[in-house]
Amino acid sequence: MARKKQEDAPKGSPAWMNTFSDLMNLLLCFFVLLFSMSTVDAQKFEQVVASLQSTFSVLPAGGSSIQQGQLISSGVSQLKDFNIFFEQFESEDEEQKAKDEQEEKDVKEAYEEKALEESEEIAEKIEKQTESYGISDQIEVDFNAQYVLLTLNGALLFDSGKSEIREDAYPLVDKIGAILSNYKGKIIEIEGHTDNVPISNDKYANNNVLSMYRALSVADYIREITDLEAGLLKSSGRGEYVPIADNSTPEGRARNRRVEVKIYNSYSTNY
């Protein structure tokens, strides 16, 4: 029997090259998928994709390299060089973040500086008015970046354990109302404060309730004698919880029994 003629080996690249090429494409797709799930921003992601498209192709057109690395048109991996790109992107992110934080800090400081200047200007005007009204020794004037603070001794306005304004205190409150009338459109808050000596009677269950009624009495009276917008005039009771002096001494307790009037500047007036 005659022998069959042996078939020639197929021409072209070996079959394993096709398998290897498919494997490299799958690895590339997997890497791009992982990269798309990272926190790198869109612009930087596009840069990396463009680099991958021109660098990691297994087609002949992909014969380029990362920096001074080897060519990858034949499928040789340079994944070790990706750290260079990631470190660069991360460094740029940190620099931008630090720049944004500094800008935010600068804006905040400038804002607070302007607010403080306005409060100081208001406080100076009020001090002059208290001097002209002859009540500068009855009112303490202070300020911060949010508001101007007028502090009145509670003993000047109320009898012990009561929330009704004393008859002889009305002239003082009238002058305070005249001062506040110059600040229409600003939030004005009246706060009542007490010492820590407990109180309990049929009308006031505790110091917190007493301080609330005292602040309300002053606020209601100012609403009656001025044309300030009622909705911008607030009142609240703080009880014994915000002392400004030592409650263990009679002098300290007397200072803590007070009414505070806060005039918020335009930077802190939120309707």
Protein backbone atom coordinates (compact mmCIF):
# COMPACT_ATOMS: atom_id res chain seq x y z
CA MET A 1 0.00 0.00 0.00
CA ALA A 2 1.34 3.36 -0.95
CA ARG A 3 2.13 5.81 1.86
CA LYS A 4 0.01 8.96 2.24
CA LYS A 5 1.80 12.15 1.57
CA GLN A 6 2.55 13.96 4.87
CA GLU A 7 0.69 17.31 5.15
CA ASP A 8 2.75 20.44 5.45
CA ALA A 9 2.60 22.47 8.73
CA PRO A 10 0.19 25.40 8.55
CA LYS A 11 1.77 28.68 7.56
CA GLY A 12 1.75 31.85 9.70
CA SER A 13 2.04 32.33 13.47
CA PRO A 14 1.67 29.34 15.78
CA ALA A 15 -1.81 28.75 17.25
CA TRP A 16 -0.62 29.56 20.78
CA MET A 17 -0.01 33.16 19.70
CA ASN A 18 -3.74 33.67 19.14
CA THR A 19 -4.46 32.34 22.63
CA PHE A 20 -1.79 34.57 24.12
CA SER A 21 -3.17 37.59 22.25
CA ASP A 22 -6.68 36.92 23.58
CA LEU A 23 -5.32 36.57 27.09
CA MET A 24 -3.54 39.92 26.88
CA ASN A 25 -6.71 41.60 25.63
CA LEU A 26 -8.69 40.14 28.52
CA LEU A 27 -6.09 41.34 31.02
CA LEU A 28 -6.20 44.80 29.50
CA CYS A 29 -10.01 44.96 29.69
CA PHE A 30 -9.88 43.79 33.31
CA PHE A 31 -7.34 46.48 34.18
CA VAL A 32 -9.39 49.22 32.50
CA LEU A 33 -12.47 48.03 34.39
CA LEU A 34 -10.62 48.24 37.71
CA PHE A 35 -9.25 51.63 36.82
CA SER A 36 -12.71 52.97 35.92
CA MET A 37 -13.89 52.04 39.44
CA SER A 38 -11.08 54.02 41.10
CA THR A 39 -11.30 57.59 42.45
CA VAL A 40 -9.22 59.17 39.69
CA ASP A 41 -11.13 62.09 38.16
CA ALA A 42 -12.51 62.05 34.62
CA GLN A 43 -9.80 64.15 33.01
CA LYS A 44 -6.99 62.00 34.37
CA PHE A 45 -8.88 58.84 33.48
CA GLU A 46 -9.12 60.00 29.88
CA GLN A 47 -5.39 60.64 29.85
CA VAL A 48 -4.65 57.10 31.00
CA VAL A 49 -7.10 55.57 28.53
CA ALA A 50 -5.48 57.52 25.70
CA SER A 51 -2.10 56.26 26.85
CA LEU A 52 -3.37 52.69 26.97
CA GLN A 53 -4.94 52.95 23.54
CA SER A 54 -1.67 54.03 21.96
CA THR A 55 0.59 51.84 24.08
CA PHE A 56 -0.95 48.53 25.04
CA SER A 57 -2.41 47.39 21.75
CA VAL A 58 -1.41 43.92 20.56
CA LEU A 59 -1.91 45.14 17.01
CA PRO A 60 1.06 46.44 14.98
CA ALA A 61 -0.08 50.05 15.51
CA GLY A 62 0.58 49.65 19.23
CA GLY A 63 4.31 49.75 18.91
CA SER A 64 4.96 52.48 21.46
CA SER A 65 6.13 52.54 25.04
CA ILE A 66 5.72 54.18 28.39
CA GLN A 67 8.51 56.72 28.93
CA GLN A 68 11.76 54.91 28.02
CA GLY A 69 10.36 51.37 28.43
CA GLN A 70 10.34 48.53 25.95
CA LEU A 71 7.93 48.34 23.04
CA ILE A 72 4.73 46.43 23.72
CA SER A 73 3.44 45.72 20.24
CA SER A 74 4.37 42.11 20.82
CA GLY A 75 2.49 41.87 24.10
CA VAL A 76 5.38 42.35 26.52
CA SER A 77 4.05 43.77 29.84
CA GLN A 78 5.11 47.07 31.38
CA LEU A 79 2.52 47.05 34.18
CA LYS A 80 5.28 47.77 36.69
CA ASP A 81 5.56 51.29 35.20
CA PHE A 82 1.93 52.17 36.04
CA ASN A 83 3.01 53.16 39.55
CA ILE A 84 4.68 56.18 38.01
CA PHE A 85 1.38 57.36 36.57
CA PHE A 86 -0.63 56.65 39.72
CA GLU A 87 1.87 58.43 41.95
CA GLN A 88 1.82 61.44 39.63
CA PHE A 89 -1.99 61.60 39.62
CA GLU A 90 -2.16 61.15 43.38
CA SER A 91 0.40 63.91 43.89
CA GLU A 92 -1.60 66.26 41.69
CA ASP A 93 -4.77 65.44 43.63
CA GLU A 94 -3.09 66.21 46.94
CA GLU A 95 -1.71 69.49 45.62
CA GLN A 96 -5.14 70.55 44.32
CA LYS A 97 -6.79 69.55 47.59
CA ALA A 98 -4.27 71.58 49.60
CA LYS A 99 -4.79 74.55 47.27
CA ASP A 100 -8.57 74.35 47.63
CA GLU A 101 -8.33 74.13 51.42
CA GLN A 102 -6.04 77.17 51.54
CA GLU A 103 -8.40 79.17 49.32
CA GLU A 104 -11.35 78.21 51.52
CA LYS A 105 -9.40 79.23 54.62
CA ASP A 106 -8.45 82.58 53.09
CA VAL A 107 -12.06 83.31 52.10
CA LYS A 108 -13.29 82.39 55.58
CA GLU A 109 -10.71 84.60 57.27
CA ALA A 110 -11.54 87.53 55.00
CA TYR A 111 -15.26 87.00 55.67
CA GLU A 112 -14.75 86.94 59.44
CA GLU A 113 -12.54 90.02 59.29
CA LYS A 114 -15.24 92.00 57.46
CA ALA A 115 -17.90 90.75 59.91
CA LEU A 116 -15.76 91.77 62.87
CA GLU A 117 -15.20 95.22 61.39
CA GLU A 118 -18.96 95.74 61.02
CA SER A 119 -19.63 94.59 64.59
CA GLU A 120 -16.95 96.93 65.90
CA GLU A 121 -18.46 99.85 64.00
CA ILE A 122 -21.92 99.11 65.43
CA ALA A 123 -20.51 98.77 68.96
CA GLU A 124 -18.76 102.13 68.73
CA LYS A 125 -21.98 103.85 67.64
CA ILE A 126 -23.95 102.23 70.47
CA GLU A 127 -21.36 103.27 73.06
CA LYS A 128 -21.70 106.86 71.92
CA GLN A 129 -25.49 106.61 72.16
CA THR A 130 -25.39 105.16 75.67
CA GLU A 131 -23.15 108.05 76.71
CA SER A 132 -25.52 110.61 75.19
CA TYR A 133 -28.49 108.94 76.94
CA GLY A 134 -26.59 108.81 80.25
CA ILE A 135 -26.88 105.02 80.61
CA SER A 136 -23.33 103.94 79.80
CA ASP A 137 -22.82 102.84 83.42
CA GLN A 138 -25.88 100.57 83.21
CA ILE A 139 -25.03 98.75 79.99
CA GLU A 140 -21.95 96.76 79.03
CA VAL A 141 -21.16 96.80 75.29
CA ASP A 142 -19.09 94.07 73.66
CA PHE A 143 -18.87 92.51 70.19
CA ASN A 144 -17.57 89.60 68.15
CA ALA A 145 -17.68 88.53 64.49
CA GLN A 146 -21.38 87.62 64.79
CA TYR A 147 -23.07 90.28 66.90
CA VAL A 148 -22.85 93.25 69.25
CA LEU A 149 -23.73 92.34 72.82
CA LEU A 150 -25.53 94.62 75.29
CA THR A 151 -25.58 93.30 78.86
CA LEU A 152 -27.96 94.67 81.50
CA ASN A 153 -27.93 93.79 85.18
CA GLY A 154 -31.11 91.86 85.96
CA ALA A 155 -31.55 93.71 89.25
CA LEU A 156 -32.11 96.94 87.31
CA LEU A 157 -35.05 95.44 85.42
CA PHE A 158 -36.77 92.91 87.71
CA ASP A 159 -37.59 92.28 91.32
CA SER A 160 -36.28 89.04 92.78
CA GLY A 161 -38.17 86.01 91.47
CA LYS A 162 -40.35 88.05 89.09
CA SER A 163 -40.45 88.58 85.32
CA GLU A 164 -42.40 91.85 85.11
CA ILE A 165 -40.29 94.90 84.26
CA ARG A 166 -40.03 97.26 87.23
CA GLU A 167 -41.75 100.62 86.89
CA ASP A 168 -38.53 102.54 87.45
CA ALA A 169 -36.80 100.45 84.73
CA TYR A 170 -39.07 101.55 81.89
CA PRO A 171 -37.01 104.69 81.06
CA LEU A 172 -33.92 102.50 80.67
CA VAL A 173 -35.72 100.03 78.39
CA ASP A 174 -37.14 102.97 76.39
CA LYS A 175 -33.62 104.17 75.64
CA ILE A 176 -32.53 100.67 74.70
CA GLY A 177 -35.49 100.51 72.31
CA ALA A 178 -34.42 103.81 70.77
CA ILE A 179 -30.93 102.38 70.18
CA LEU A 180 -32.28 99.18 68.65
CA SER A 181 -34.53 101.16 66.30
CA ASN A 182 -31.43 102.08 64.31
CA TYR A 183 -30.93 98.44 63.30
CA LYS A 184 -34.05 97.52 61.37
CA GLY A 185 -33.64 94.46 59.19
CA LYS A 186 -31.15 92.83 61.55
CA ILE A 187 -31.88 89.93 63.85
CA ILE A 188 -32.05 91.04 67.48
CA GLU A 189 -32.12 88.37 70.16
CA ILE A 190 -32.93 88.98 73.82
CA GLU A 191 -31.71 86.35 76.29
CA GLY A 192 -32.58 85.96 79.96
CA HIS A 193 -30.04 84.53 82.42
CA THR A 194 -30.15 83.66 86.13
CA ASP A 195 -27.82 82.48 88.86
CA ASN A 196 -27.86 78.89 90.12
CA VAL A 197 -29.99 79.47 93.21
CA PRO A 198 -33.03 77.19 92.75
CA ILE A 199 -36.46 78.75 92.39
CA SER A 200 -39.84 77.06 92.41
CA ASN A 201 -43.24 78.65 92.84
CA ASP A 202 -46.70 78.55 91.33
CA LYS A 203 -45.67 80.64 88.31
CA TYR A 204 -42.08 79.59 87.58
CA ALA A 205 -41.08 75.95 87.87
CA ASN A 206 -37.35 76.70 87.71
CA ASN A 207 -34.73 79.26 86.70
CA ASN A 208 -34.99 78.32 83.06
CA VAL A 209 -38.68 79.24 82.96
CA LEU A 210 -38.06 82.47 84.89
CA SER A 211 -35.29 83.56 82.50
CA MET A 212 -37.53 82.81 79.51
CA TYR A 213 -40.36 85.01 80.85
CA ARG A 214 -37.96 87.83 81.66
CA ALA A 215 -36.57 87.84 78.11
CA LEU A 216 -40.09 87.72 76.72
CA SER A 217 -41.17 90.70 78.86
CA VAL A 218 -38.35 92.84 77.48
CA ALA A 219 -38.94 91.68 73.89
CA ASP A 220 -42.69 92.35 74.04
CA TYR A 221 -42.15 95.82 75.47
CA ILE A 222 -39.62 96.72 72.76
CA ARG A 223 -42.08 95.53 70.12
CA GLU A 224 -44.64 97.93 71.55
CA ILE A 225 -42.41 101.02 71.64
CA THR A 226 -40.55 100.54 68.33
CA ASP A 227 -41.37 99.75 64.71
CA LEU A 228 -38.86 96.91 64.54
CA GLU A 229 -40.02 93.91 62.55
CA ALA A 230 -41.54 91.58 65.13
CA GLY A 231 -40.30 88.45 63.39
CA LEU A 232 -36.67 89.56 63.67
CA LEU A 233 -36.94 90.22 67.40
CA LYS A 234 -36.37 86.94 69.24
CA SER A 235 -36.37 86.00 72.92
CA SER A 236 -35.06 82.99 74.80
CA GLY A 237 -34.31 81.84 78.34
CA ARG A 238 -30.92 80.35 79.15
CA GLY A 239 -31.46 79.90 82.88
CA GLU A 240 -28.32 79.24 84.89
CA TYR A 241 -26.53 77.38 82.11
CA VAL A 242 -24.37 80.18 80.69
CA PRO A 243 -22.75 81.91 83.68
CA ILE A 244 -20.25 84.73 83.17
CA ALA A 245 -19.09 84.80 86.79
CA ASP A 246 -18.59 82.51 89.79
CA ASN A 247 -21.91 81.52 91.34
CA SER A 248 -20.21 80.78 94.66
CA THR A 249 -20.04 84.49 95.53
CA PRO A 250 -22.83 87.09 95.88
CA GLU A 251 -21.04 89.34 93.37
CA GLY A 252 -20.79 86.51 90.85
CA ARG A 253 -24.44 85.57 91.21
CA ALA A 254 -25.44 89.21 90.74
CA ARG A 255 -23.53 89.34 87.45
CA ASN A 256 -25.11 86.13 86.25
CA ARG A 257 -28.62 87.53 86.82
CA ARG A 258 -28.71 89.50 83.60
CA VAL A 259 -30.45 90.23 80.32
CA GLU A 260 -28.42 90.16 77.10
CA VAL A 261 -29.38 91.86 73.84
CA LYS A 262 -27.59 90.58 70.74
CA ILE A 263 -27.65 92.64 67.54
CA TYR A 264 -26.46 90.41 64.70
CA ASN A 265 -24.44 92.00 61.91
CA SER A 266 -25.36 91.67 58.24
CA TYR A 267 -22.91 88.79 57.79
CA SER A 268 -24.76 86.74 60.41
CA THR A 269 -28.36 87.78 59.73
CA ASN A 270 -30.08 84.76 58.18
CA TYR A 271 -33.83 84.92 57.76
